[in-house]
Protein backbone atom coordinates (compact mmCIF):
# COMPACT_ATOMS: atom_id res chain seq x y z
CA MET A 1 96.25 41.84 -12.12
CA PRO A 2 94.72 43.53 -9.04
CA VAL A 3 96.91 46.11 -7.34
CA GLY A 4 94.82 46.79 -4.23
CA ASP A 5 91.46 47.76 -2.83
CA LEU A 6 89.77 51.08 -3.41
CA ALA A 7 88.16 52.75 -0.41
CA PHE A 8 85.67 55.57 -0.83
CA ARG A 9 84.50 57.74 2.02
CA LEU A 10 82.18 60.69 2.30
CA ASP A 11 83.35 63.87 3.97
CA PRO A 12 81.63 64.51 7.30
CA LEU A 13 78.13 65.98 7.18
CA LEU A 14 78.16 69.70 7.99
CA VAL A 15 74.49 70.49 7.53
CA ALA A 16 71.40 69.11 5.80
CA GLY A 17 67.81 70.21 5.45
CA LYS A 18 65.30 71.66 3.05
CA ALA A 19 64.82 75.01 1.32
CA VAL A 20 61.17 75.94 0.81
CA CYS A 21 60.13 78.93 -1.26
CA LYS A 22 56.40 79.61 -1.37
CA GLY A 23 55.06 80.30 -4.83
CA ALA A 24 58.21 79.13 -6.59
CA PRO A 25 58.19 75.37 -7.20
CA GLY A 26 61.60 74.03 -8.16
CA PHE A 27 63.37 77.01 -6.58
CA ARG A 28 67.10 76.35 -6.12
CA PRO A 29 68.97 78.83 -3.92
CA ALA A 30 72.74 79.28 -3.92
CA LEU A 31 74.13 77.83 -0.68
CA ALA A 32 77.51 78.39 0.94
CA VAL A 33 78.93 77.72 4.40
CA GLU A 34 80.55 80.51 6.38
CA ALA A 35 82.71 80.04 9.47
CA LEU A 36 83.91 82.38 12.18
CA VAL A 37 87.71 82.56 11.96
CA ARG A 38 89.71 84.88 14.23
CA GLY A 39 86.63 86.99 14.94
CA ARG A 40 85.58 87.42 11.28
CA TRP A 41 83.03 85.58 9.18
CA GLY A 42 84.28 84.18 5.88
CA GLN A 43 83.23 81.63 3.31
CA ALA A 44 84.54 78.12 3.92
CA GLY A 45 85.87 76.48 0.78
CA LEU A 46 83.62 73.45 0.48
CA VAL A 47 83.00 71.46 -2.66
CA ASN A 48 80.53 68.76 -1.68
CA LEU A 49 77.03 70.20 -2.05
CA ILE A 50 74.00 68.11 -2.96
CA LEU A 51 70.87 70.09 -3.87
CA LEU A 52 67.84 68.12 -5.03
CA GLU A 53 64.85 69.33 -7.07
CA ASP A 54 62.49 69.11 -4.09
CA GLY A 55 64.63 71.59 -2.12
CA ARG A 56 66.48 69.10 0.07
CA PHE A 57 70.18 69.78 0.48
CA GLU A 58 73.25 68.25 2.08
CA ILE A 59 76.66 69.88 2.52
CA ARG A 60 79.72 67.85 3.47
CA GLY A 61 83.27 68.90 4.25
CA GLU A 62 85.87 69.45 6.96
CA LEU A 63 85.16 72.17 9.54
CA GLU A 64 86.21 70.59 12.85
CA ALA A 65 88.31 73.60 13.85
CA PHE A 66 85.34 75.97 13.76
CA ARG A 67 82.64 76.15 16.39
CA ASP A 68 80.50 78.82 14.77
CA ALA A 69 79.13 78.18 11.29
CA ALA A 70 76.29 79.61 9.23
CA LEU A 71 74.59 78.79 5.98
CA ARG A 72 74.63 81.70 3.50
CA VAL A 73 71.56 81.56 1.25
CA SER A 74 71.25 83.75 -1.83
CA SER A 75 69.48 83.88 -5.18
CA ARG A 76 68.71 86.23 -8.02
CA ASP A 77 65.05 85.80 -7.09
CA PHE A 78 65.09 87.47 -3.71
CA GLY A 79 66.69 90.67 -2.49
CA ASN A 80 69.30 90.14 0.19
CA SER A 81 71.29 87.08 1.09
CA VAL A 82 70.42 85.49 4.41
CA SER A 83 72.73 83.95 7.00
CA VAL A 84 71.30 81.01 8.97
CA PRO A 85 73.32 79.65 11.93
CA PHE A 86 73.48 75.88 12.40
CA GLU A 87 75.16 73.27 14.59
CA LEU A 88 77.78 71.14 12.83
CA GLY A 89 76.11 67.89 11.77
CA GLN A 90 72.59 69.32 12.00
CA LYS A 91 70.19 67.45 9.69
CA ASP A 92 66.95 69.42 10.03
CA VAL A 93 67.65 72.98 8.88
CA GLU A 94 64.55 74.38 7.18
CA LEU A 95 64.93 77.50 5.07
CA GLN A 96 61.63 79.35 4.58
CA LEU A 97 62.23 81.76 1.70
CA GLU A 98 60.11 84.24 -0.20
CA VAL A 99 60.68 85.44 -3.76
CA VAL A 100 60.78 89.20 -4.14
CA LEU A 101 59.39 90.31 -7.48
CA PRO A 102 60.96 93.40 -9.09
CA LYS A 103 58.94 96.59 -8.75
CA ARG A 104 57.52 97.93 -11.99
């Protein structure tokens, strides 16, 4: 006996694009979204991240209250993490990354 209809919806798109790392095919960086809250940057608690093998990514969630947001990019394969500002809903962020090899 049916009890009702199910409705699925995606969270709003925050940012999408592609991460490219020269010399490291299949590179997958760690991505997080930061937002400016009361004058301080902090990580936004988002759970909907899609990261494909070819480097394309999509992050969805709720951030309407924040005007300033940035994508925090990090990995074991390069030195420092990088913060990349974006406009909410932006679909064409391109991350050009370079692997830093450990000094011997």
